[in-house]
Amino acid sequence: MTPYDTGVAPDPFACSIGRFESLTALLSGDQAAGWTHAELEEELDHRGRELLRQLMQDHLDLRAVREEGQVRQAKAKAVGADGCLRPYREYAHARHLACLFGLVRVRRVAFRQKGLHNVYVADAQLALPAGRHSMGLRRLAVLEAVRGSFDQAAAAVDRRCGPVLGKRQLRQLLHAARGEVVNSFVYVEACVLAGRAVGGGYCW
């Protein structure tokens, strides 16, 4: 028997809704009724973070579906920063992003040309970093490192975000951030010495 097509598109946030309903069911049940406030906090911290991660994942998946549909319909092409055309398209290229809520997967269209690196328009639209770690996660790592020791920063990030950033990666992020700060001070000093205003990343 042929399935009946209702014409109703699936809810792109169905997984998030499912997690939220599961959480409310847990909180309204007998088990949660016996928790102390500390146990309630701990459970909500863990499950709430996972709900936020799922919301971000569902949103990224929705953007991927929309991008694929638009590219297929328009038979879109892309031009790279090198000025060269990428006329060929491949779908479902994926990369991971470690963010404040955990690890998510970003699916996007690759625009290609033989002998040239791929161009990902969605990466630019999302302002994705070159590495795996989000800007929010990098900012948190730097703030925690400023407040205390390296080990304390690693522990704080792990408590806040889960196991998304190892000590080696944390050390690399802090080293890169230190270089950015030094470069910004050098830039400002050069502008002042040259009698120029500081603004927008350029000396006007």
N, C-alpha and C. Protein backbone atom coordinates (compact mmCIF):
# COMPACT_ATOMS: atom_id res chain seq x y z
N MET A 1 0.85 -1.19 0.00
CA MET A 1 0.00 0.00 0.00
C MET A 1 0.89 1.25 0.00
N THR A 2 0.61 2.21 -0.88
CA THR A 2 1.39 3.43 -0.98
C THR A 2 1.11 4.34 0.21
N PRO A 3 2.17 4.79 0.91
CA PRO A 3 1.95 5.69 2.06
C PRO A 3 1.24 6.96 1.63
N TYR A 4 0.37 7.44 2.49
CA TYR A 4 -0.38 8.65 2.19
C TYR A 4 0.47 9.87 2.51
N ASP A 5 0.65 10.75 1.54
CA ASP A 5 1.46 11.95 1.69
C ASP A 5 0.59 13.08 2.24
N THR A 6 0.87 13.48 3.48
CA THR A 6 0.07 14.53 4.11
C THR A 6 0.52 15.92 3.67
N GLY A 7 1.71 16.01 3.06
CA GLY A 7 2.22 17.31 2.63
C GLY A 7 2.75 18.16 3.76
N VAL A 8 2.84 17.58 4.96
CA VAL A 8 3.33 18.32 6.13
C VAL A 8 4.81 18.03 6.31
N ALA A 9 5.63 19.07 6.28
CA ALA A 9 7.07 18.91 6.44
C ALA A 9 7.39 18.61 7.90
N PRO A 10 8.38 17.76 8.15
CA PRO A 10 8.75 17.46 9.54
C PRO A 10 9.28 18.70 10.24
N ASP A 11 9.03 18.78 11.52
CA ASP A 11 9.50 19.92 12.31
C ASP A 11 11.02 19.83 12.42
N PRO A 12 11.75 20.85 11.97
CA PRO A 12 13.21 20.78 12.04
C PRO A 12 13.75 20.77 13.47
N PHE A 13 12.90 21.16 14.43
CA PHE A 13 13.31 21.18 15.82
C PHE A 13 12.66 20.04 16.63
N ALA A 14 12.30 18.98 15.93
CA ALA A 14 11.63 17.85 16.59
C ALA A 14 12.52 17.23 17.67
N CYS A 15 13.80 17.10 17.41
CA CYS A 15 14.71 16.51 18.40
C CYS A 15 14.81 17.38 19.64
N SER A 16 14.86 18.69 19.45
CA SER A 16 14.91 19.61 20.59
C SER A 16 13.62 19.54 21.40
N ILE A 17 12.49 19.51 20.69
CA ILE A 17 11.20 19.42 21.37
C ILE A 17 11.11 18.13 22.16
N GLY A 18 11.62 17.05 21.56
CA GLY A 18 11.61 15.76 22.26
C GLY A 18 12.44 15.80 23.54
N ARG A 19 13.60 16.43 23.49
CA ARG A 19 14.44 16.54 24.68
C ARG A 19 13.78 17.41 25.75
N PHE A 20 13.13 18.50 25.31
CA PHE A 20 12.46 19.38 26.26
C PHE A 20 11.30 18.65 26.94
N GLU A 21 10.52 17.93 26.16
CA GLU A 21 9.38 17.19 26.72
C GLU A 21 9.87 16.08 27.67
N SER A 22 10.99 15.47 27.31
CA SER A 22 11.56 14.45 28.19
C SER A 22 12.01 15.06 29.52
N LEU A 23 12.56 16.27 29.44
CA LEU A 23 13.02 16.95 30.64
C LEU A 23 11.85 17.36 31.53
N THR A 24 10.80 17.91 30.93
CA THR A 24 9.63 18.31 31.73
C THR A 24 8.94 17.09 32.34
N ALA A 25 8.94 15.98 31.60
CA ALA A 25 8.35 14.75 32.15
C ALA A 25 9.15 14.27 33.35
N LEU A 26 10.47 14.37 33.25
CA LEU A 26 11.31 13.97 34.38
C LEU A 26 11.06 14.85 35.59
N LEU A 27 10.97 16.16 35.36
CA LEU A 27 10.80 17.10 36.47
C LEU A 27 9.43 16.98 37.13
N SER A 28 8.45 16.51 36.39
CA SER A 28 7.11 16.37 36.96
C SER A 28 6.88 15.00 37.57
N GLY A 29 7.87 14.12 37.49
CA GLY A 29 7.72 12.76 37.99
C GLY A 29 8.09 12.59 39.45
N ASP A 30 7.92 11.36 39.95
CA ASP A 30 8.18 11.05 41.35
C ASP A 30 9.66 11.13 41.69
N GLN A 31 10.53 10.76 40.74
CA GLN A 31 11.96 10.78 41.02
C GLN A 31 12.45 12.18 41.36
N ALA A 32 12.05 13.16 40.53
CA ALA A 32 12.48 14.54 40.76
C ALA A 32 11.86 15.11 42.03
N ALA A 33 10.70 14.61 42.41
CA ALA A 33 10.03 15.11 43.60
C ALA A 33 10.85 14.85 44.87
N GLY A 34 11.74 13.87 44.80
CA GLY A 34 12.55 13.55 45.97
C GLY A 34 13.93 14.16 45.95
N TRP A 35 14.26 14.93 44.92
CA TRP A 35 15.60 15.53 44.81
C TRP A 35 15.75 16.72 45.75
N THR A 36 16.96 16.91 46.22
CA THR A 36 17.30 18.15 46.92
C THR A 36 17.50 19.25 45.87
N HIS A 37 17.62 20.49 46.32
CA HIS A 37 17.82 21.57 45.35
C HIS A 37 19.16 21.40 44.63
N ALA A 38 20.17 20.85 45.33
CA ALA A 38 21.48 20.65 44.71
C ALA A 38 21.40 19.58 43.61
N GLU A 39 20.65 18.52 43.86
CA GLU A 39 20.48 17.48 42.85
C GLU A 39 19.70 18.02 41.65
N LEU A 40 18.71 18.86 41.92
CA LEU A 40 17.93 19.47 40.85
C LEU A 40 18.81 20.37 39.98
N GLU A 41 19.65 21.18 40.65
CA GLU A 41 20.58 22.04 39.91
C GLU A 41 21.50 21.23 39.01
N GLU A 42 22.05 20.16 39.56
CA GLU A 42 23.00 19.34 38.81
C GLU A 42 22.34 18.69 37.60
N GLU A 43 21.13 18.19 37.80
CA GLU A 43 20.43 17.53 36.70
C GLU A 43 20.06 18.54 35.61
N LEU A 44 19.57 19.72 36.01
CA LEU A 44 19.21 20.74 35.03
C LEU A 44 20.43 21.29 34.30
N ASP A 45 21.54 21.39 35.02
CA ASP A 45 22.76 21.88 34.39
C ASP A 45 23.19 20.94 33.27
N HIS A 46 23.15 19.65 33.53
CA HIS A 46 23.57 18.66 32.54
C HIS A 46 22.56 18.56 31.39
N ARG A 47 21.29 18.34 31.75
CA ARG A 47 20.27 18.14 30.72
C ARG A 47 19.96 19.45 29.98
N GLY A 48 20.04 20.57 30.69
CA GLY A 48 19.81 21.86 30.05
C GLY A 48 20.87 22.17 29.01
N ARG A 49 22.13 21.84 29.31
CA ARG A 49 23.21 22.05 28.35
C ARG A 49 23.00 21.18 27.11
N GLU A 50 22.56 19.95 27.33
CA GLU A 50 22.32 19.06 26.19
C GLU A 50 21.15 19.55 25.34
N LEU A 51 20.13 20.14 25.99
CA LEU A 51 19.01 20.71 25.25
C LEU A 51 19.49 21.88 24.39
N LEU A 52 20.32 22.74 24.94
CA LEU A 52 20.86 23.87 24.18
C LEU A 52 21.72 23.38 23.02
N ARG A 53 22.51 22.34 23.26
CA ARG A 53 23.32 21.77 22.18
C ARG A 53 22.44 21.25 21.06
N GLN A 54 21.33 20.58 21.44
CA GLN A 54 20.42 20.05 20.43
C GLN A 54 19.74 21.17 19.65
N LEU A 55 19.37 22.24 20.32
CA LEU A 55 18.78 23.40 19.64
C LEU A 55 19.75 23.98 18.61
N MET A 56 21.01 24.09 18.99
CA MET A 56 22.00 24.60 18.05
C MET A 56 22.18 23.64 16.88
N GLN A 57 22.22 22.34 17.18
CA GLN A 57 22.37 21.35 16.11
C GLN A 57 21.18 21.37 15.16
N ASP A 58 19.98 21.46 15.69
CA ASP A 58 18.79 21.50 14.84
C ASP A 58 18.80 22.75 13.96
N HIS A 59 19.23 23.86 14.51
CA HIS A 59 19.30 25.09 13.72
C HIS A 59 20.33 24.96 12.60
N LEU A 60 21.49 24.41 12.91
CA LEU A 60 22.52 24.22 11.88
C LEU A 60 22.04 23.27 10.79
N ASP A 61 21.33 22.22 11.19
CA ASP A 61 20.80 21.28 10.20
C ASP A 61 19.77 21.95 9.30
N LEU A 62 18.94 22.82 9.89
CA LEU A 62 17.95 23.54 9.11
C LEU A 62 18.63 24.46 8.10
N ARG A 63 19.67 25.16 8.51
CA ARG A 63 20.41 26.02 7.59
C ARG A 63 21.03 25.21 6.45
N ALA A 64 21.50 24.01 6.79
CA ALA A 64 22.10 23.15 5.76
C ALA A 64 21.07 22.73 4.72
N VAL A 65 19.89 22.35 5.18
CA VAL A 65 18.81 21.95 4.27
C VAL A 65 18.43 23.11 3.36
N ARG A 66 18.30 24.29 3.95
CA ARG A 66 17.94 25.47 3.15
C ARG A 66 19.02 25.81 2.13
N GLU A 67 20.28 25.73 2.56
CA GLU A 67 21.37 26.03 1.62
C GLU A 67 21.37 25.05 0.46
N GLU A 68 21.22 23.77 0.75
CA GLU A 68 21.22 22.76 -0.31
C GLU A 68 20.07 22.99 -1.28
N GLY A 69 18.90 23.34 -0.73
CA GLY A 69 17.75 23.59 -1.60
C GLY A 69 17.96 24.80 -2.50
N GLN A 70 18.51 25.87 -1.93
CA GLN A 70 18.75 27.08 -2.71
C GLN A 70 19.81 26.85 -3.79
N VAL A 71 20.86 26.12 -3.44
CA VAL A 71 21.94 25.85 -4.40
C VAL A 71 21.44 24.97 -5.53
N ARG A 72 20.67 23.94 -5.21
CA ARG A 72 20.14 23.05 -6.24
C ARG A 72 19.20 23.81 -7.19
N GLN A 73 18.35 24.64 -6.62
CA GLN A 73 17.38 25.37 -7.42
C GLN A 73 18.05 26.39 -8.33
N ALA A 74 19.03 27.11 -7.79
CA ALA A 74 19.68 28.17 -8.56
C ALA A 74 20.90 27.69 -9.33
N LYS A 75 21.31 26.41 -9.07
CA LYS A 75 22.54 25.87 -9.66
C LYS A 75 23.69 26.85 -9.40
N ALA A 76 23.80 27.24 -8.15
CA ALA A 76 24.73 28.30 -7.76
C ALA A 76 26.18 27.90 -7.95
N LYS A 77 27.00 28.90 -8.17
CA LYS A 77 28.45 28.76 -8.22
C LYS A 77 29.04 29.74 -7.21
N ALA A 78 30.32 29.61 -6.97
CA ALA A 78 30.96 30.49 -6.00
C ALA A 78 32.33 30.92 -6.52
N VAL A 79 32.74 32.08 -6.06
CA VAL A 79 34.07 32.61 -6.40
C VAL A 79 34.87 32.69 -5.10
N GLY A 80 36.08 32.17 -5.12
CA GLY A 80 36.91 32.18 -3.93
C GLY A 80 37.60 33.51 -3.72
N ALA A 81 38.31 33.62 -2.60
CA ALA A 81 39.05 34.84 -2.30
C ALA A 81 40.15 35.09 -3.33
N ASP A 82 40.54 34.04 -4.05
CA ASP A 82 41.56 34.17 -5.09
C ASP A 82 40.99 34.69 -6.41
N GLY A 83 39.65 34.92 -6.44
CA GLY A 83 39.02 35.43 -7.64
C GLY A 83 38.68 34.37 -8.67
N CYS A 84 38.94 33.11 -8.37
CA CYS A 84 38.69 32.02 -9.32
C CYS A 84 37.33 31.39 -9.06
N LEU A 85 36.66 31.03 -10.13
CA LEU A 85 35.32 30.44 -10.06
C LEU A 85 35.40 28.98 -9.61
N ARG A 86 34.45 28.59 -8.74
CA ARG A 86 34.25 27.18 -8.37
C ARG A 86 32.88 26.77 -8.92
N PRO A 87 32.84 26.13 -10.10
CA PRO A 87 31.55 25.84 -10.75
C PRO A 87 30.89 24.54 -10.30
N TYR A 88 31.63 23.70 -9.60
CA TYR A 88 31.11 22.38 -9.24
C TYR A 88 30.69 22.35 -7.77
N ARG A 89 29.68 21.55 -7.48
CA ARG A 89 29.12 21.50 -6.13
C ARG A 89 29.11 20.07 -5.59
N GLU A 90 29.44 19.95 -4.34
CA GLU A 90 29.29 18.69 -3.62
C GLU A 90 28.54 18.97 -2.32
N TYR A 91 27.61 18.10 -2.01
CA TYR A 91 26.74 18.33 -0.86
C TYR A 91 27.20 17.51 0.35
N ALA A 92 26.73 17.94 1.50
CA ALA A 92 26.91 17.22 2.77
C ALA A 92 28.37 17.13 3.21
N HIS A 93 29.18 18.14 2.88
CA HIS A 93 30.50 18.23 3.50
C HIS A 93 30.30 18.67 4.94
N ALA A 94 30.92 17.98 5.87
CA ALA A 94 30.67 18.25 7.28
C ALA A 94 31.96 18.52 8.04
N ARG A 95 31.85 19.32 9.07
CA ARG A 95 32.94 19.58 10.01
C ARG A 95 32.33 19.69 11.40
N HIS A 96 33.14 19.51 12.41
CA HIS A 96 32.65 19.62 13.78
C HIS A 96 33.03 20.98 14.37
N LEU A 97 32.19 21.42 15.29
CA LEU A 97 32.43 22.67 16.00
C LEU A 97 32.19 22.43 17.49
N ALA A 98 33.23 22.65 18.28
CA ALA A 98 33.10 22.56 19.74
C ALA A 98 32.65 23.92 20.25
N CYS A 99 31.48 23.97 20.87
CA CYS A 99 30.93 25.24 21.32
C CYS A 99 30.64 25.19 22.82
N LEU A 100 30.02 26.24 23.33
CA LEU A 100 29.74 26.33 24.77
C LEU A 100 28.82 25.22 25.26
N PHE A 101 28.06 24.61 24.36
CA PHE A 101 27.07 23.61 24.77
C PHE A 101 27.52 22.19 24.49
N GLY A 102 28.65 22.02 23.82
CA GLY A 102 29.13 20.70 23.47
C GLY A 102 29.58 20.66 22.01
N LEU A 103 29.58 19.48 21.44
CA LEU A 103 30.06 19.29 20.07
C LEU A 103 28.87 19.22 19.11
N VAL A 104 28.92 20.04 18.04
CA VAL A 104 27.88 20.00 17.01
C VAL A 104 28.53 19.74 15.66
N ARG A 105 27.70 19.37 14.69
CA ARG A 105 28.17 19.03 13.35
C ARG A 105 27.59 20.03 12.36
N VAL A 106 28.46 20.64 11.57
CA VAL A 106 28.04 21.65 10.60
C VAL A 106 28.13 21.04 9.20
N ARG A 107 26.98 20.91 8.55
CA ARG A 107 26.93 20.36 7.19
C ARG A 107 26.74 21.51 6.21
N ARG A 108 27.54 21.53 5.11
CA ARG A 108 27.42 22.61 4.13
C ARG A 108 27.82 22.13 2.74
N VAL A 109 27.55 23.00 1.78
CA VAL A 109 27.87 22.71 0.38
C VAL A 109 29.30 23.14 0.09
N ALA A 110 30.04 22.28 -0.62
CA ALA A 110 31.40 22.62 -1.06
C ALA A 110 31.35 23.03 -2.52
N PHE A 111 31.91 24.18 -2.81
CA PHE A 111 32.05 24.64 -4.19
C PHE A 111 33.48 24.32 -4.62
N ARG A 112 33.61 23.62 -5.78
CA ARG A 112 34.90 23.04 -6.12
C ARG A 112 35.36 23.40 -7.52
N GLN A 113 36.67 23.30 -7.70
CA GLN A 113 37.31 23.39 -9.00
C GLN A 113 38.62 22.61 -8.89
N LYS A 114 38.93 21.84 -9.89
CA LYS A 114 40.12 21.00 -9.87
C LYS A 114 41.37 21.85 -9.68
N GLY A 115 42.22 21.42 -8.74
CA GLY A 115 43.46 22.12 -8.48
C GLY A 115 43.34 23.27 -7.51
N LEU A 116 42.11 23.57 -7.04
CA LEU A 116 41.91 24.68 -6.11
C LEU A 116 41.26 24.17 -4.82
N HIS A 117 41.46 24.89 -3.74
CA HIS A 117 40.83 24.50 -2.49
C HIS A 117 39.33 24.78 -2.54
N ASN A 118 38.58 24.02 -1.77
CA ASN A 118 37.13 24.19 -1.75
C ASN A 118 36.74 25.53 -1.13
N VAL A 119 35.59 26.02 -1.57
CA VAL A 119 35.01 27.23 -1.00
C VAL A 119 33.70 26.84 -0.31
N TYR A 120 33.53 27.27 0.94
CA TYR A 120 32.32 26.98 1.70
C TYR A 120 31.65 28.32 2.05
N VAL A 121 30.62 28.65 1.32
CA VAL A 121 29.91 29.92 1.55
C VAL A 121 29.29 29.93 2.94
N ALA A 122 28.77 28.79 3.37
CA ALA A 122 28.13 28.72 4.69
C ALA A 122 29.11 29.00 5.82
N ASP A 123 30.37 28.62 5.64
CA ASP A 123 31.37 28.89 6.67
C ASP A 123 31.53 30.39 6.88
N ALA A 124 31.54 31.14 5.78
CA ALA A 124 31.66 32.59 5.87
C ALA A 124 30.41 33.20 6.49
N GLN A 125 29.24 32.68 6.14
CA GLN A 125 28.00 33.22 6.70
C GLN A 125 27.91 32.98 8.20
N LEU A 126 28.43 31.84 8.65
CA LEU A 126 28.44 31.53 10.08
C LEU A 126 29.66 32.12 10.79
N ALA A 127 30.59 32.68 10.00
CA ALA A 127 31.85 33.19 10.56
C ALA A 127 32.55 32.12 11.39
N LEU A 128 32.62 30.90 10.83
CA LEU A 128 33.25 29.80 11.55
C LEU A 128 34.75 30.02 11.66
N PRO A 129 35.34 29.64 12.79
CA PRO A 129 36.79 29.78 12.94
C PRO A 129 37.51 28.73 12.09
N ALA A 130 38.79 28.97 11.85
CA ALA A 130 39.58 28.01 11.08
C ALA A 130 39.73 26.70 11.84
N GLY A 131 39.83 26.78 13.15
CA GLY A 131 39.95 25.59 13.98
C GLY A 131 38.61 25.04 14.40
N ARG A 132 38.65 24.12 15.34
CA ARG A 132 37.46 23.40 15.76
C ARG A 132 36.64 24.13 16.82
N HIS A 133 37.25 25.06 17.53
CA HIS A 133 36.62 25.65 18.72
C HIS A 133 35.96 26.98 18.41
N SER A 134 34.73 27.15 18.90
CA SER A 134 33.94 28.35 18.63
C SER A 134 34.54 29.57 19.31
N MET A 135 34.11 30.74 18.86
CA MET A 135 34.59 31.98 19.46
C MET A 135 34.14 32.09 20.91
N GLY A 136 32.93 31.65 21.20
CA GLY A 136 32.44 31.69 22.57
C GLY A 136 33.27 30.81 23.49
N LEU A 137 33.65 29.63 23.01
CA LEU A 137 34.47 28.73 23.81
C LEU A 137 35.87 29.30 24.01
N ARG A 138 36.42 29.93 22.97
CA ARG A 138 37.73 30.56 23.10
C ARG A 138 37.69 31.70 24.11
N ARG A 139 36.63 32.50 24.04
CA ARG A 139 36.50 33.62 24.96
C ARG A 139 36.41 33.13 26.41
N LEU A 140 35.63 32.08 26.63
CA LEU A 140 35.49 31.52 27.97
C LEU A 140 36.83 31.00 28.48
N ALA A 141 37.59 30.33 27.61
CA ALA A 141 38.89 29.79 28.02
C ALA A 141 39.83 30.90 28.46
N VAL A 142 39.85 31.99 27.71
CA VAL A 142 40.73 33.11 28.05
C VAL A 142 40.31 33.75 29.37
N LEU A 143 39.01 33.97 29.55
CA LEU A 143 38.51 34.59 30.78
C LEU A 143 38.84 33.74 32.01
N GLU A 144 38.67 32.43 31.87
CA GLU A 144 38.96 31.56 33.01
C GLU A 144 40.46 31.49 33.29
N ALA A 145 41.28 31.55 32.24
CA ALA A 145 42.73 31.53 32.44
C ALA A 145 43.21 32.80 33.13
N VAL A 146 42.58 33.92 32.83
CA VAL A 146 42.94 35.18 33.47
C VAL A 146 42.59 35.16 34.96
N ARG A 147 41.49 34.49 35.29
CA ARG A 147 41.03 34.48 36.68
C ARG A 147 41.89 33.59 37.57
N GLY A 148 42.48 32.54 37.01
CA GLY A 148 43.22 31.59 37.84
C GLY A 148 44.32 30.90 37.08
N SER A 149 44.68 29.72 37.56
CA SER A 149 45.76 28.95 36.95
C SER A 149 45.27 28.23 35.70
N PHE A 150 46.20 27.64 34.98
CA PHE A 150 45.87 26.89 33.78
C PHE A 150 44.95 25.71 34.12
N ASP A 151 45.29 24.97 35.17
CA ASP A 151 44.48 23.81 35.56
C ASP A 151 43.08 24.24 36.00
N GLN A 152 42.99 25.38 36.68
CA GLN A 152 41.68 25.88 37.10
C GLN A 152 40.84 26.27 35.89
N ALA A 153 41.49 26.86 34.89
CA ALA A 153 40.78 27.23 33.66
C ALA A 153 40.26 25.99 32.94
N ALA A 154 41.08 24.96 32.86
CA ALA A 154 40.67 23.71 32.20
C ALA A 154 39.47 23.09 32.92
N ALA A 155 39.53 23.09 34.25
CA ALA A 155 38.43 22.52 35.04
C ALA A 155 37.16 23.34 34.88
N ALA A 156 37.27 24.67 34.84
CA ALA A 156 36.10 25.53 34.70
C ALA A 156 35.42 25.34 33.36
N VAL A 157 36.22 25.23 32.29
CA VAL A 157 35.65 25.02 30.96
C VAL A 157 34.96 23.66 30.89
N ASP A 158 35.57 22.65 31.51
CA ASP A 158 34.98 21.31 31.51
C ASP A 158 33.65 21.30 32.25
N ARG A 159 33.58 22.01 33.38
CA ARG A 159 32.32 22.07 34.13
C ARG A 159 31.24 22.80 33.34
N ARG A 160 31.62 23.85 32.67
CA ARG A 160 30.65 24.69 31.95
C ARG A 160 30.19 24.05 30.65
N CYS A 161 31.10 23.40 29.92
CA CYS A 161 30.80 22.97 28.55
C CYS A 161 30.85 21.47 28.35
N GLY A 162 31.34 20.72 29.34
CA GLY A 162 31.56 19.31 29.13
C GLY A 162 32.93 19.08 28.51
N PRO A 163 33.25 17.84 28.16
CA PRO A 163 34.59 17.51 27.65
C PRO A 163 34.78 17.90 26.19
N VAL A 164 34.86 19.20 25.91
CA VAL A 164 35.00 19.67 24.53
C VAL A 164 36.38 20.28 24.28
N LEU A 165 37.19 20.42 25.33
CA LEU A 165 38.47 21.10 25.17
C LEU A 165 39.51 20.45 26.07
N GLY A 166 40.45 19.72 25.45
CA GLY A 166 41.52 19.10 26.20
C GLY A 166 42.57 20.13 26.61
N LYS A 167 43.47 19.72 27.49
CA LYS A 167 44.48 20.66 27.99
C LYS A 167 45.42 21.12 26.88
N ARG A 168 45.75 20.23 25.95
CA ARG A 168 46.62 20.63 24.85
C ARG A 168 45.95 21.68 23.98
N GLN A 169 44.65 21.47 23.68
CA GLN A 169 43.91 22.44 22.88
C GLN A 169 43.74 23.76 23.62
N LEU A 170 43.51 23.67 24.94
CA LEU A 170 43.39 24.88 25.74
C LEU A 170 44.69 25.68 25.70
N ARG A 171 45.80 24.99 25.82
CA ARG A 171 47.10 25.68 25.78
C ARG A 171 47.30 26.37 24.43
N GLN A 172 46.89 25.71 23.35
CA GLN A 172 47.03 26.29 22.02
C GLN A 172 46.15 27.53 21.86
N LEU A 173 44.92 27.46 22.38
CA LEU A 173 44.01 28.61 22.30
C LEU A 173 44.55 29.80 23.07
N LEU A 174 45.09 29.55 24.25
CA LEU A 174 45.63 30.64 25.07
C LEU A 174 46.87 31.25 24.42
N HIS A 175 47.67 30.39 23.81
CA HIS A 175 48.86 30.90 23.12
C HIS A 175 48.47 31.79 21.94
N ALA A 176 47.45 31.34 21.18
CA ALA A 176 46.98 32.13 20.05
C ALA A 176 46.37 33.45 20.51
N ALA A 177 45.61 33.41 21.62
CA ALA A 177 44.99 34.62 22.15
C ALA A 177 46.06 35.60 22.62
N ARG A 178 47.13 35.08 23.22
CA ARG A 178 48.21 35.95 23.68
C ARG A 178 48.85 36.66 22.49
N GLY A 179 49.02 35.93 21.39
CA GLY A 179 49.58 36.53 20.19
C GLY A 179 48.69 37.61 19.62
N GLU A 180 47.37 37.39 19.66
CA GLU A 180 46.43 38.39 19.15
C GLU A 180 46.47 39.65 19.99
N VAL A 181 46.58 39.49 21.31
CA VAL A 181 46.65 40.65 22.19
C VAL A 181 47.93 41.44 21.93
N VAL A 182 49.06 40.74 21.80
CA VAL A 182 50.33 41.41 21.53
C VAL A 182 50.26 42.15 20.20
N ASN A 183 49.70 41.52 19.18
CA ASN A 183 49.59 42.16 17.88
C ASN A 183 48.73 43.41 17.93
N SER A 184 47.64 43.35 18.73
CA SER A 184 46.75 44.51 18.82
C SER A 184 47.45 45.68 19.51
N PHE A 185 48.28 45.38 20.53
CA PHE A 185 49.02 46.44 21.20
C PHE A 185 50.05 47.06 20.25
N VAL A 186 50.72 46.21 19.47
CA VAL A 186 51.70 46.70 18.51
C VAL A 186 51.02 47.58 17.47
N TYR A 187 49.83 47.16 17.03
CA TYR A 187 49.07 47.93 16.03
C TYR A 187 48.69 49.31 16.57
N VAL A 188 48.18 49.34 17.80
CA VAL A 188 47.78 50.61 18.40
C VAL A 188 48.99 51.52 18.58
N GLU A 189 50.10 50.94 19.07
CA GLU A 189 51.31 51.74 19.29
C GLU A 189 51.81 52.32 17.96
N ALA A 190 51.78 51.51 16.89
CA ALA A 190 52.25 51.98 15.59
C ALA A 190 51.39 53.13 15.08
N CYS A 191 50.08 53.02 15.30
CA CYS A 191 49.17 54.08 14.86
C CYS A 191 49.43 55.38 15.63
N VAL A 192 49.65 55.24 16.95
CA VAL A 192 49.89 56.42 17.77
C VAL A 192 51.19 57.10 17.34
N LEU A 193 52.23 56.30 17.12
CA LEU A 193 53.51 56.86 16.71
C LEU A 193 53.43 57.54 15.35
N ALA A 194 52.55 57.00 14.49
CA ALA A 194 52.41 57.57 13.15
C ALA A 194 51.42 58.72 13.13
N GLY A 195 50.79 59.01 14.28
CA GLY A 195 49.83 60.10 14.35
C GLY A 195 48.52 59.79 13.64
N ARG A 196 48.15 58.50 13.60
CA ARG A 196 46.93 58.11 12.90
C ARG A 196 45.89 57.62 13.92
N ALA A 197 44.63 57.70 13.49
CA ALA A 197 43.54 57.21 14.35
C ALA A 197 43.49 55.69 14.27
N VAL A 198 42.98 55.06 15.33
CA VAL A 198 42.84 53.60 15.38
C VAL A 198 41.39 53.27 15.08
N GLY A 199 41.17 52.39 14.12
CA GLY A 199 39.78 52.02 13.86
C GLY A 199 39.66 50.95 12.79
N GLY A 200 38.74 50.01 13.03
CA GLY A 200 38.38 49.01 12.04
C GLY A 200 39.49 48.08 11.61
N GLY A 201 40.56 47.96 12.38
CA GLY A 201 41.63 47.07 11.99
C GLY A 201 42.60 47.69 11.00
N TYR A 202 42.44 48.98 10.68
CA TYR A 202 43.34 49.66 9.76
C TYR A 202 43.77 50.99 10.36
N CYS A 203 44.90 51.49 9.88
CA CYS A 203 45.34 52.84 10.24
C CYS A 203 44.86 53.79 9.16
N TRP A 204 43.95 54.67 9.55
CA TRP A 204 43.37 55.57 8.53
C TRP A 204 44.24 56.81 8.41
